Amino acid sequence: AICGLLPARAGSVRYDGAEISRVPVYELPRRGLVLVPEGRG
């Protein structure tokens, strides 16, 4: 939910001072937020 792979239904996620809950998932690595998923992927 933090990185947008599971859409948030309520609340806020702020990264580096900016709200990111509606930022496209593919954009987050460009901003420096990266997920290593369960199961390696």
Full PDB file with SEQRES, HELIX, SHEET, SSBOND, CRYST1, ORIGX, SCALE, CONECT and MASTER records, all heavy atoms in Angstrom:
SEQRES   1 A   41  ALA ILE CYS GLY LEU LEU PRO ALA ARG ALA GLY SER VAL          
SEQRES   2 A   41  ARG TYR ASP GLY ALA GLU ILE SER ARG VAL PRO VAL TYR          
SEQRES   3 A   41  GLU LEU PRO ARG ARG GLY LEU VAL LEU VAL PRO GLU GLY          
SEQRES   4 A   41  ARG GLY                                                      
HELIX    1 AA1 VAL A   25  GLU A   27  5                                   3    
HELIX    2 AA2 LEU A   28  ARG A   31  1                                   4    
SHEET    1 AA1 2 ARG A  14  TYR A  15  0                                        
SHEET    2 AA1 2 ALA A  18  GLU A  19 -1                                        
CRYST1    1.000    1.000    1.000  90.00  90.00  90.00 P 1           1          
ORIGX1      1.000000  0.000000  0.000000        0.00000                         
ORIGX2      0.000000  1.000000  0.000000        0.00000                         
ORIGX3      0.000000  0.000000  1.000000        0.00000                         
SCALE1      1.000000  0.000000  0.000000        0.00000                         
SCALE2      0.000000  1.000000  0.000000        0.00000                         
SCALE3      0.000000  0.000000  1.000000        0.00000                         
ATOM      1  N   ALA A   1       0.828  -1.207   0.000  1.00  0.00           N  
ATOM      2  CA  ALA A   1       0.000   0.000   0.000  1.00  0.00           C  
ATOM      3  C   ALA A   1       0.864   1.259   0.000  1.00  0.00           C  
ATOM      4  O   ALA A   1       0.519   2.262  -0.639  1.00  0.00           O  
ATOM      5  CB  ALA A   1      -0.930  -0.003   1.210  1.00  0.00           C  
ATOM      6  N   ILE A   2       1.984   1.227   0.700  1.00  0.00           N  
ATOM      7  CA  ILE A   2       2.880   2.383   0.728  1.00  0.00           C  
ATOM      8  C   ILE A   2       3.370   2.717  -0.680  1.00  0.00           C  
ATOM      9  O   ILE A   2       3.432   3.890  -1.074  1.00  0.00           O  
ATOM     10  CB  ILE A   2       4.063   2.124   1.679  1.00  0.00           C  
ATOM     11  CG1 ILE A   2       3.591   2.185   3.139  1.00  0.00           C  
ATOM     12  CG2 ILE A   2       5.187   3.145   1.451  1.00  0.00           C  
ATOM     13  CD1 ILE A   2       4.635   1.731   4.153  1.00  0.00           C  
ATOM     14  N   CYS A   3       3.716   1.687  -1.455  1.00  0.00           N  
ATOM     15  CA  CYS A   3       4.268   1.954  -2.788  1.00  0.00           C  
ATOM     16  C   CYS A   3       3.218   1.866  -3.895  1.00  0.00           C  
ATOM     17  O   CYS A   3       3.568   1.922  -5.080  1.00  0.00           O  
ATOM     18  CB  CYS A   3       5.438   1.029  -3.076  1.00  0.00           C  
ATOM     19  SG  CYS A   3       5.022  -0.712  -3.214  1.00  0.00           S  
ATOM     20  N   GLY A   4       1.943   1.736  -3.544  1.00  0.00           N  
ATOM     21  CA  GLY A   4       0.876   1.847  -4.521  1.00  0.00           C  
ATOM     22  C   GLY A   4       0.508   0.582  -5.260  1.00  0.00           C  
ATOM     23  O   GLY A   4      -0.394   0.601  -6.102  1.00  0.00           O  
ATOM     24  N   LEU A   5       1.178  -0.541  -4.956  1.00  0.00           N  
ATOM     25  CA  LEU A   5       0.790  -1.794  -5.599  1.00  0.00           C  
ATOM     26  C   LEU A   5      -0.560  -2.284  -5.102  1.00  0.00           C  
ATOM     27  O   LEU A   5      -1.268  -3.008  -5.813  1.00  0.00           O  
ATOM     28  CB  LEU A   5       1.858  -2.862  -5.346  1.00  0.00           C  
ATOM     29  CG  LEU A   5       3.186  -2.656  -6.076  1.00  0.00           C  
ATOM     30  CD1 LEU A   5       4.217  -3.656  -5.592  1.00  0.00           C  
ATOM     31  CD2 LEU A   5       3.001  -2.754  -7.580  1.00  0.00           C  
ATOM     32  N   LEU A   6      -0.907  -1.904  -3.876  1.00  0.00           N  
ATOM     33  CA  LEU A   6      -2.232  -2.142  -3.317  1.00  0.00           C  
ATOM     34  C   LEU A   6      -2.842  -0.777  -3.065  1.00  0.00           C  
ATOM     35  O   LEU A   6      -2.378  -0.045  -2.186  1.00  0.00           O  
ATOM     36  CB  LEU A   6      -2.125  -2.941  -2.014  1.00  0.00           C  
ATOM     37  CG  LEU A   6      -3.429  -3.247  -1.275  1.00  0.00           C  
ATOM     38  CD1 LEU A   6      -4.338  -4.118  -2.135  1.00  0.00           C  
ATOM     39  CD2 LEU A   6      -3.137  -3.942   0.053  1.00  0.00           C  
ATOM     40  N   PRO A   7      -3.856  -0.367  -3.828  1.00  0.00           N  
ATOM     41  CA  PRO A   7      -4.388   0.987  -3.694  1.00  0.00           C  
ATOM     42  C   PRO A   7      -4.911   1.278  -2.292  1.00  0.00           C  
ATOM     43  O   PRO A   7      -5.606   0.463  -1.689  1.00  0.00           O  
ATOM     44  CB  PRO A   7      -5.527   1.024  -4.722  1.00  0.00           C  
ATOM     45  CG  PRO A   7      -5.166  -0.033  -5.719  1.00  0.00           C  
ATOM     46  CD  PRO A   7      -4.505  -1.121  -4.920  1.00  0.00           C  
ATOM     47  N   ALA A   8      -4.533   2.436  -1.777  1.00  0.00           N  
ATOM     48  CA  ALA A   8      -5.020   2.866  -0.465  1.00  0.00           C  
ATOM     49  C   ALA A   8      -6.498   3.255  -0.566  1.00  0.00           C  
ATOM     50  O   ALA A   8      -6.920   3.906  -1.522  1.00  0.00           O  
ATOM     51  CB  ALA A   8      -4.202   4.042   0.039  1.00  0.00           C  
ATOM     52  N   ARG A   9      -7.269   2.844   0.439  1.00  0.00           N  
ATOM     53  CA  ARG A   9      -8.689   3.202   0.494  1.00  0.00           C  
ATOM     54  C   ARG A   9      -8.925   4.453   1.326  1.00  0.00           C  
ATOM     55  O   ARG A   9      -9.954   5.118   1.187  1.00  0.00           O  
ATOM     56  CB  ARG A   9      -9.487   2.037   1.078  1.00  0.00           C  
ATOM     57  CG  ARG A   9      -9.461   0.784   0.213  1.00  0.00           C  
ATOM     58  CD  ARG A   9     -10.191  -0.371   0.866  1.00  0.00           C  
ATOM     59  NE  ARG A   9     -10.236  -1.547  -0.010  1.00  0.00           N  
ATOM     60  CZ  ARG A   9     -10.752  -2.708   0.330  1.00  0.00           C  
ATOM     61  NH1 ARG A   9     -11.256  -2.886   1.552  1.00  0.00           N  
ATOM     62  NH2 ARG A   9     -10.755  -3.718  -0.520  1.00  0.00           N  
ATOM     63  N   ALA A  10      -7.975   4.750   2.208  1.00  0.00           N  
ATOM     64  CA  ALA A  10      -8.074   5.941   3.052  1.00  0.00           C  
ATOM     65  C   ALA A  10      -6.694   6.224   3.610  1.00  0.00           C  
ATOM     66  O   ALA A  10      -5.803   5.381   3.574  1.00  0.00           O  
ATOM     67  CB  ALA A  10      -9.074   5.728   4.191  1.00  0.00           C  
ATOM     68  N   GLY A  11      -6.531   7.445   4.130  1.00  0.00           N  
ATOM     69  CA  GLY A  11      -5.289   7.826   4.766  1.00  0.00           C  
ATOM     70  C   GLY A  11      -4.309   8.466   3.791  1.00  0.00           C  
ATOM     71  O   GLY A  11      -4.632   8.733   2.633  1.00  0.00           O  
ATOM     72  N   SER A  12      -3.109   8.731   4.284  1.00  0.00           N  
ATOM     73  CA  SER A  12      -2.096   9.396   3.472  1.00  0.00           C  
ATOM     74  C   SER A  12      -0.758   8.694   3.616  1.00  0.00           C  
ATOM     75  O   SER A  12      -0.451   8.089   4.646  1.00  0.00           O  
ATOM     76  CB  SER A  12      -1.952  10.865   3.885  1.00  0.00           C  
ATOM     77  OG  SER A  12      -1.396  10.971   5.184  1.00  0.00           O  
ATOM     78  N   VAL A  13       0.025   8.791   2.552  1.00  0.00           N  
ATOM     79  CA  VAL A  13       1.400   8.306   2.538  1.00  0.00           C  
ATOM     80  C   VAL A  13       2.253   9.449   2.022  1.00  0.00           C  
ATOM     81  O   VAL A  13       2.135   9.851   0.858  1.00  0.00           O  
ATOM     82  CB  VAL A  13       1.584   7.070   1.637  1.00  0.00           C  
ATOM     83  CG1 VAL A  13       3.041   6.627   1.639  1.00  0.00           C  
ATOM     84  CG2 VAL A  13       0.678   5.934   2.077  1.00  0.00           C  
ATOM     85  N   ARG A  14       3.104   9.990   2.889  1.00  0.00           N  
ATOM     86  CA  ARG A  14       3.983  11.090   2.506  1.00  0.00           C  
ATOM     87  C   ARG A  14       5.422  10.599   2.483  1.00  0.00           C  
ATOM     88  O   ARG A  14       5.896  10.004   3.452  1.00  0.00           O  
ATOM     89  CB  ARG A  14       3.840  12.278   3.469  1.00  0.00           C  
ATOM     90  CG  ARG A  14       2.446  12.884   3.476  1.00  0.00           C  
ATOM     91  CD  ARG A  14       2.380  14.143   4.329  1.00  0.00           C  
ATOM     92  NE  ARG A  14       3.155  15.238   3.775  1.00  0.00           N  
ATOM     93  CZ  ARG A  14       2.736  16.047   2.810  1.00  0.00           C  
ATOM     94  NH1 ARG A  14       1.516  15.869   2.293  1.00  0.00           N  
ATOM     95  NH2 ARG A  14       3.499  17.011   2.368  1.00  0.00           N  
ATOM     96  N   TYR A  15       6.083  10.851   1.359  1.00  0.00           N  
ATOM     97  CA  TYR A  15       7.483  10.469   1.183  1.00  0.00           C  
ATOM     98  C   TYR A  15       8.263  11.721   0.824  1.00  0.00           C  
ATOM     99  O   TYR A  15       7.906  12.436  -0.116  1.00  0.00           O  
ATOM    100  CB  TYR A  15       7.603   9.419   0.078  1.00  0.00           C  
ATOM    101  CG  TYR A  15       9.019   9.182  -0.397  1.00  0.00           C  
ATOM    102  CD1 TYR A  15       9.941   8.535   0.419  1.00  0.00           C  
ATOM    103  CD2 TYR A  15       9.431   9.620  -1.647  1.00  0.00           C  
ATOM    104  CE1 TYR A  15      11.249   8.333  -0.019  1.00  0.00           C  
ATOM    105  CE2 TYR A  15      10.716   9.414  -2.094  1.00  0.00           C  
ATOM    106  CZ  TYR A  15      11.627   8.769  -1.267  1.00  0.00           C  
ATOM    107  OH  TYR A  15      12.915   8.583  -1.695  1.00  0.00           O  
ATOM    108  N   ASP A  16       9.296  12.000   1.612  1.00  0.00           N  
ATOM    109  CA  ASP A  16      10.118  13.184   1.399  1.00  0.00           C  
ATOM    110  C   ASP A  16       9.262  14.450   1.344  1.00  0.00           C  
ATOM    111  O   ASP A  16       9.507  15.352   0.539  1.00  0.00           O  
ATOM    112  CB  ASP A  16      10.937  13.030   0.111  1.00  0.00           C  
ATOM    113  CG  ASP A  16      12.114  13.995   0.044  1.00  0.00           C  
ATOM    114  OD1 ASP A  16      12.563  14.480   1.106  1.00  0.00           O  
ATOM    115  OD2 ASP A  16      12.598  14.264  -1.072  1.00  0.00           O  
ATOM    116  N   GLY A  17       8.232  14.484   2.195  1.00  0.00           N  
ATOM    117  CA  GLY A  17       7.383  15.662   2.323  1.00  0.00           C  
ATOM    118  C   GLY A  17       6.235  15.763   1.342  1.00  0.00           C  
ATOM    119  O   GLY A  17       5.406  16.675   1.446  1.00  0.00           O  
ATOM    120  N   ALA A  18       6.151  14.839   0.384  1.00  0.00           N  
ATOM    121  CA  ALA A  18       5.105  14.915  -0.644  1.00  0.00           C  
ATOM    122  C   ALA A  18       4.154  13.733  -0.527  1.00  0.00           C  
ATOM    123  O   ALA A  18       4.570  12.611  -0.251  1.00  0.00           O  
ATOM    124  CB  ALA A  18       5.729  14.938  -2.037  1.00  0.00           C  
ATOM    125  N   GLU A  19       2.874  13.985  -0.761  1.00  0.00           N  
ATOM    126  CA  GLU A  19       1.882  12.924  -0.792  1.00  0.00           C  
ATOM    127  C   GLU A  19       2.087  12.081  -2.046  1.00  0.00           C  
ATOM    128  O   GLU A  19       2.179  12.607  -3.158  1.00  0.00           O  
ATOM    129  CB  GLU A  19       0.474  13.534  -0.807  1.00  0.00           C  
ATOM    130  CG  GLU A  19      -0.651  12.529  -0.960  1.00  0.00           C  
ATOM    131  CD  GLU A  19      -0.745  11.557   0.201  1.00  0.00           C  
ATOM    132  OE1 GLU A  19      -0.604  12.005   1.355  1.00  0.00           O  
ATOM    133  OE2 GLU A  19      -0.953  10.365  -0.050  1.00  0.00           O  
ATOM    134  N   ILE A  20       2.176  10.747  -1.859  1.00  0.00           N  
ATOM    135  CA  ILE A  20       2.475   9.879  -3.011  1.00  0.00           C  
ATOM    136  C   ILE A  20       1.391   8.835  -3.269  1.00  0.00           C  
ATOM    137  O   ILE A  20       1.568   7.968  -4.123  1.00  0.00           O  
ATOM    138  CB  ILE A  20       3.834   9.162  -2.840  1.00  0.00           C  
ATOM    139  CG1 ILE A  20       3.828   8.257  -1.596  1.00  0.00           C  
ATOM    140  CG2 ILE A  20       4.968  10.169  -2.802  1.00  0.00           C  
ATOM    141  CD1 ILE A  20       5.001   7.306  -1.532  1.00  0.00           C  
ATOM    142  N   SER A  21       0.289   8.889  -2.540  1.00  0.00           N  
ATOM    143  CA  SER A  21      -0.708   7.825  -2.674  1.00  0.00           C  
ATOM    144  C   SER A  21      -1.323   7.772  -4.068  1.00  0.00           C  
ATOM    145  O   SER A  21      -1.875   6.738  -4.461  1.00  0.00           O  
ATOM    146  CB  SER A  21      -1.806   7.982  -1.622  1.00  0.00           C  
ATOM    147  OG  SER A  21      -2.433   9.238  -1.726  1.00  0.00           O  
ATOM    148  N   ARG A  22      -1.226   8.849  -4.827  1.00  0.00           N  
ATOM    149  CA  ARG A  22      -1.748   8.837  -6.197  1.00  0.00           C  
ATOM    150  C   ARG A  22      -0.650   8.965  -7.253  1.00  0.00           C  
ATOM    151  O   ARG A  22      -0.949   9.155  -8.431  1.00  0.00           O  
ATOM    152  CB  ARG A  22      -2.792   9.950  -6.367  1.00  0.00           C  
ATOM    153  CG  ARG A  22      -4.098   9.629  -5.660  1.00  0.00           C  
ATOM    154  CD  ARG A  22      -5.145  10.727  -5.845  1.00  0.00           C  
ATOM    155  NE  ARG A  22      -6.445  10.289  -5.387  1.00  0.00           N  
ATOM    156  CZ  ARG A  22      -6.824  10.197  -4.116  1.00  0.00           C  
ATOM    157  NH1 ARG A  22      -5.966  10.519  -3.163  1.00  0.00           N  
ATOM    158  NH2 ARG A  22      -8.038   9.798  -3.782  1.00  0.00           N  
ATOM    159  N   VAL A  23       0.577   8.859  -6.828  1.00  0.00           N  
ATOM    160  CA  VAL A  23       1.698   8.873  -7.781  1.00  0.00           C  
ATOM    161  C   VAL A  23       1.776   7.501  -8.441  1.00  0.00           C  
ATOM    162  O   VAL A  23       1.693   6.473  -7.760  1.00  0.00           O  
ATOM    163  CB  VAL A  23       3.020   9.202  -7.063  1.00  0.00           C  
ATOM    164  CG1 VAL A  23       4.204   9.056  -8.004  1.00  0.00           C  
ATOM    165  CG2 VAL A  23       2.966  10.616  -6.491  1.00  0.00           C  
ATOM    166  N   PRO A  24       1.931   7.423  -9.777  1.00  0.00           N  
ATOM    167  CA  PRO A  24       2.039   6.116 -10.432  1.00  0.00           C  
ATOM    168  C   PRO A  24       3.172   5.281  -9.839  1.00  0.00           C  
ATOM    169  O   PRO A  24       4.237   5.799  -9.510  1.00  0.00           O  
ATOM    170  CB  PRO A  24       2.327   6.490 -11.897  1.00  0.00           C  
ATOM    171  CG  PRO A  24       1.776   7.865 -12.064  1.00  0.00           C  
ATOM    172  CD  PRO A  24       1.978   8.542 -10.747  1.00  0.00           C  
ATOM    173  N   VAL A  25       2.923   3.988  -9.710  1.00  0.00           N  
ATOM    174  CA  VAL A  25       3.904   3.092  -9.090  1.00  0.00           C  
ATOM    175  C   VAL A  25       5.252   3.179  -9.782  1.00  0.00           C  
ATOM    176  O   VAL A  25       6.302   3.208  -9.130  1.00  0.00           O  
ATOM    177  CB  VAL A  25       3.379   1.639  -9.113  1.00  0.00           C  
ATOM    178  CG1 VAL A  25       4.426   0.686  -8.578  1.00  0.00           C  
ATOM    179  CG2 VAL A  25       2.092   1.516  -8.306  1.00  0.00           C  
ATOM    180  N   TYR A  26       5.250   3.242 -11.114  1.00  0.00           N  
ATOM    181  CA  TYR A  26       6.513   3.241 -11.858  1.00  0.00           C  
ATOM    182  C   TYR A  26       7.336   4.500 -11.618  1.00  0.00           C  
ATOM    183  O   TYR A  26       8.545   4.532 -11.890  1.00  0.00           O  
ATOM    184  CB  TYR A  26       6.260   3.067 -13.354  1.00  0.00           C  
ATOM    185  CG  TYR A  26       5.416   4.156 -13.989  1.00  0.00           C  
ATOM    186  CD1 TYR A  26       5.956   5.387 -14.347  1.00  0.00           C  
ATOM    187  CD2 TYR A  26       4.053   3.951 -14.232  1.00  0.00           C  
ATOM    188  CE1 TYR A  26       5.187   6.383 -14.915  1.00  0.00           C  
ATOM    189  CE2 TYR A  26       3.274   4.935 -14.803  1.00  0.00           C  
ATOM    190  CZ  TYR A  26       3.841   6.147 -15.148  1.00  0.00           C  
ATOM    191  OH  TYR A  26       3.070   7.138 -15.705  1.00  0.00           O  
ATOM    192  N   GLU A  27       6.698   5.566 -11.108  1.00  0.00           N  
ATOM    193  CA  GLU A  27       7.403   6.819 -10.870  1.00  0.00           C  
ATOM    194  C   GLU A  27       8.206   6.792  -9.561  1.00  0.00           C  
ATOM    195  O   GLU A  27       9.195   7.521  -9.414  1.00  0.00           O  
ATOM    196  CB  GLU A  27       6.379   7.972 -10.833  1.00  0.00           C  
ATOM    197  CG  GLU A  27       6.952   9.335 -10.518  1.00  0.00           C  
ATOM    198  CD  GLU A  27       7.934   9.837 -11.573  1.00  0.00           C  
ATOM    199  OE1 GLU A  27       7.822   9.439 -12.744  1.00  0.00           O  
ATOM    200  OE2 GLU A  27       8.809  10.626 -11.191  1.00  0.00           O  
ATOM    201  N   LEU A  28       7.802   5.955  -8.609  1.00  0.00           N  
ATOM    202  CA  LEU A  28       8.418   5.984  -7.282  1.00  0.00           C  
ATOM    203  C   LEU A  28       9.903   5.629  -7.284  1.00  0.00           C  
ATOM    204  O   LEU A  28      10.679   6.266  -6.567  1.00  0.00           O  
ATOM    205  CB  LEU A  28       7.638   5.088  -6.324  1.00  0.00           C  
ATOM    206  CG  LEU A  28       6.199   5.563  -6.047  1.00  0.00           C  
ATOM    207  CD1 LEU A  28       5.500   4.595  -5.103  1.00  0.00           C  
ATOM    208  CD2 LEU A  28       6.183   6.978  -5.481  1.00  0.00           C  
ATOM    209  N   PRO A  29      10.357   4.620  -8.046  1.00  0.00           N  
ATOM    210  CA  PRO A  29      11.805   4.382  -8.070  1.00  0.00           C  
ATOM    211  C   PRO A  29      12.613   5.588  -8.536  1.00  0.00           C  
ATOM    212  O   PRO A  29      13.739   5.802  -8.079  1.00  0.00           O  
ATOM    213  CB  PRO A  29      11.947   3.201  -9.042  1.00  0.00           C  
ATOM    214  CG  PRO A  29      10.643   2.476  -8.934  1.00  0.00           C  
ATOM    215  CD  PRO A  29       9.627   3.568  -8.777  1.00  0.00           C  
ATOM    216  N   ARG A  30      12.046   6.372  -9.437  1.00  0.00           N  
ATOM    217  CA  ARG A  30      12.735   7.579  -9.890  1.00  0.00           C  
ATOM    218  C   ARG A  30      12.902   8.574  -8.741  1.00  0.00           C  
ATOM    219  O   ARG A  30      13.825   9.395  -8.746  1.00  0.00           O  
ATOM    220  CB  ARG A  30      11.972   8.246 -11.035  1.00  0.00           C  
ATOM    221  CG  ARG A  30      11.932   7.451 -12.323  1.00  0.00           C  
ATOM    222  CD  ARG A  30      11.234   8.230 -13.419  1.00  0.00           C  
ATOM    223  NE  ARG A  30      11.343   7.582 -14.713  1.00  0.00           N  
ATOM    224  CZ  ARG A  30      10.477   6.721 -15.198  1.00  0.00           C  
ATOM    225  NH1 ARG A  30       9.399   6.400 -14.499  1.00  0.00           N  
ATOM    226  NH2 ARG A  30      10.659   6.178 -16.380  1.00  0.00           N  
ATOM    227  N   ARG A  31      12.008   8.500  -7.756  1.00  0.00           N  
ATOM    228  CA  ARG A  31      12.080   9.373  -6.583  1.00  0.00           C  
ATOM    229  C   ARG A  31      12.887   8.754  -5.450  1.00  0.00           C  
ATOM    230  O   ARG A  31      13.060   9.385  -4.405  1.00  0.00           O  
ATOM    231  CB  ARG A  31      10.671   9.712  -6.088  1.00  0.00           C  
ATOM    232  CG  ARG A  31       9.800  10.400  -7.120  1.00  0.00           C  
ATOM    233  CD  ARG A  31       8.525  10.918  -6.486  1.00  0.00           C  
ATOM    234  NE  ARG A  31       7.625  11.489  -7.467  1.00  0.00           N  
ATOM    235  CZ  ARG A  31       6.556  12.234  -7.151  1.00  0.00           C  
ATOM    236  NH1 ARG A  31       6.279  12.488  -5.884  1.00  0.00           N  
ATOM    237  NH2 ARG A  31       5.773  12.710  -8.107  1.00  0.00           N  
ATOM    238  N   GLY A  32      13.330   7.509  -5.646  1.00  0.00           N  
ATOM    239  CA  GLY A  32      14.171   6.878  -4.636  1.00  0.00           C  
ATOM    240  C   GLY A  32      13.467   5.958  -3.677  1.00  0.00           C  
ATOM    241  O   GLY A  32      14.051   5.535  -2.677  1.00  0.00           O  
ATOM    242  N   LEU A  33      12.208   5.588  -3.965  1.00  0.00           N  
ATOM    243  CA  LEU A  33      11.467   4.649  -3.119  1.00  0.00           C  
ATOM    244  C   LEU A  33      11.356   3.330  -3.884  1.00  0.00           C  
ATOM    245  O   LEU A  33      10.738   3.274  -4.943  1.00  0.00           O  
ATOM    246  CB  LEU A  33      10.082   5.205  -2.795  1.00  0.00           C  
ATOM    247  CG  LEU A  33       9.315   4.537  -1.645  1.00  0.00           C  
ATOM    248  CD1 LEU A  33       8.165   5.436  -1.175  1.00  0.00           C  
ATOM    249  CD2 LEU A  33       8.753   3.175  -2.016  1.00  0.00           C  
ATOM    250  N   VAL A  34      11.976   2.282  -3.323  1.00  0.00           N  
ATOM    251  CA  VAL A  34      12.103   1.015  -4.050  1.00  0.00           C  
ATOM    252  C   VAL A  34      11.687  -0.143  -3.151  1.00  0.00           C  
ATOM    253  O   VAL A  34      12.074  -0.193  -1.978  1.00  0.00           O  
ATOM    254  CB  VAL A  34      13.554   0.813  -4.533  1.00  0.00           C  
ATOM    255  CG1 VAL A  34      13.686  -0.504  -5.296  1.00  0.00           C  
ATOM    256  CG2 VAL A  34      14.004   1.976  -5.415  1.00  0.00           C  
ATOM    257  N   LEU A  35      10.918  -1.068  -3.693  1.00  0.00           N  
ATOM    258  CA  LEU A  35      10.453  -2.260  -2.977  1.00  0.00           C  
ATOM    259  C   LEU A  35      11.211  -3.494  -3.439  1.00  0.00           C  
ATOM    260  O   LEU A  35      11.354  -3.728  -4.645  1.00  0.00           O  
ATOM    261  CB  LEU A  35       8.949  -2.471  -3.235  1.00  0.00           C  
ATOM    262  CG  LEU A  35       8.335  -3.792  -2.752  1.00  0.00           C  
ATOM    263  CD1 LEU A  35       8.272  -3.856  -1.227  1.00  0.00           C  
ATOM    264  CD2 LEU A  35       6.943  -3.992  -3.347  1.00  0.00           C  
ATOM    265  N   VAL A  36      11.694  -4.292  -2.458  1.00  0.00           N  
ATOM    266  CA  VAL A  36      12.143  -5.661  -2.729  1.00  0.00           C  
ATOM    267  C   VAL A  36      10.999  -6.563  -2.288  1.00  0.00           C  
ATOM    268  O   VAL A  36      10.767  -6.732  -1.095  1.00  0.00           O  
ATOM    269  CB  VAL A  36      13.428  -6.012  -1.969  1.00  0.00           C  
ATOM    270  CG1 VAL A  36      13.840  -7.457  -2.257  1.00  0.00           C  
ATOM    271  CG2 VAL A  36      14.554  -5.057  -2.342  1.00  0.00           C  
ATOM    272  N   PRO A  37      10.234  -7.132  -3.215  1.00  0.00           N  
ATOM    273  CA  PRO A  37       8.983  -7.788  -2.838  1.00  0.00           C  
ATOM    274  C   PRO A  37       9.184  -9.131  -2.166  1.00  0.00           C  
ATOM    275  O   PRO A  37      10.218  -9.792  -2.330  1.00  0.00           O  
ATOM    276  CB  PRO A  37       8.268  -7.965  -4.183  1.00  0.00           C  
ATOM    277  CG  PRO A  37       9.371  -8.051  -5.173  1.00  0.00           C  
ATOM    278  CD  PRO A  37      10.451  -7.133  -4.672  1.00  0.00           C  
ATOM    279  N   GLU A  38       8.174  -9.537  -1.420  1.00  0.00           N  
ATOM    280  CA  GLU A  38       8.127 -10.898  -0.893  1.00  0.00           C  
ATOM    281  C   GLU A  38       8.171 -11.872  -2.069  1.00  0.00           C  
ATOM    282  O   GLU A  38       7.485 -11.679  -3.072  1.00  0.00           O  
ATOM    283  CB  GLU A  38       6.836 -11.081  -0.100  1.00  0.00           C  
ATOM    284  CG  GLU A  38       6.641 -12.464   0.485  1.00  0.00           C  
ATOM    285  CD  GLU A  38       5.308 -12.604   1.202  1.00  0.00           C  
ATOM    286  OE1 GLU A  38       4.486 -11.663   1.153  1.00  0.00           O  
ATOM    287  OE2 GLU A  38       5.086 -13.662   1.800  1.00  0.00           O  
ATOM    288  N   GLY A  39       8.981 -12.924  -1.954  1.00  0.00           N  
ATOM    289  CA  GLY A  39       9.112 -13.866  -3.058  1.00  0.00           C  
ATOM    290  C   GLY A  39      10.094 -13.442  -4.127  1.00  0.00           C  
ATOM    291  O   GLY A  39      10.192 -14.078  -5.176  1.00  0.00           O  
ATOM    292  N   ARG A  40      10.800 -12.325  -3.880  1.00  0.00           N  
ATOM    293  CA  ARG A  40      11.943 -11.850  -4.681  1.00  0.00           C  
ATOM    294  C   ARG A  40      11.552 -11.150  -5.975  1.00  0.00           C  
ATOM    295  O   ARG A  40      12.062 -10.097  -6.285  1.00  0.00           O  
ATOM    296  CB  ARG A  40      12.936 -12.986  -4.963  1.00  0.00           C  
ATOM    297  CG  ARG A  40      13.610 -13.470  -3.694  1.00  0.00           C  
ATOM    298  CD  ARG A  40      13.684 -14.973  -3.613  1.00  0.00           C  
ATOM    299  NE  ARG A  40      13.858 -15.409  -2.217  1.00  0.00           N  
ATOM    300  CZ  ARG A  40      13.774 -16.663  -1.831  1.00  0.00           C  
ATOM    301  NH1 ARG A  40      13.526 -17.617  -2.707  1.00  0.00           N  
ATOM    302  NH2 ARG A  40      13.919 -16.973  -0.569  1.00  0.00           N  
ATOM    303  N   GLY A  41      10.663 -11.746  -6.777  1.00  0.00           N  
ATOM    304  CA  GLY A  41      10.180 -11.051  -7.970  1.00  0.00           C  
ATOM    305  C   GLY A  41      11.236 -10.799  -9.028  1.00  0.00           C  
ATOM    306  O   GLY A  41      11.153  -9.813  -9.760  1.00  0.00           O  
TER     307      GLY A  41                                                      
MASTER        0    0    0    2    2    0    0    6  306    1    0    4          
END                                                                             
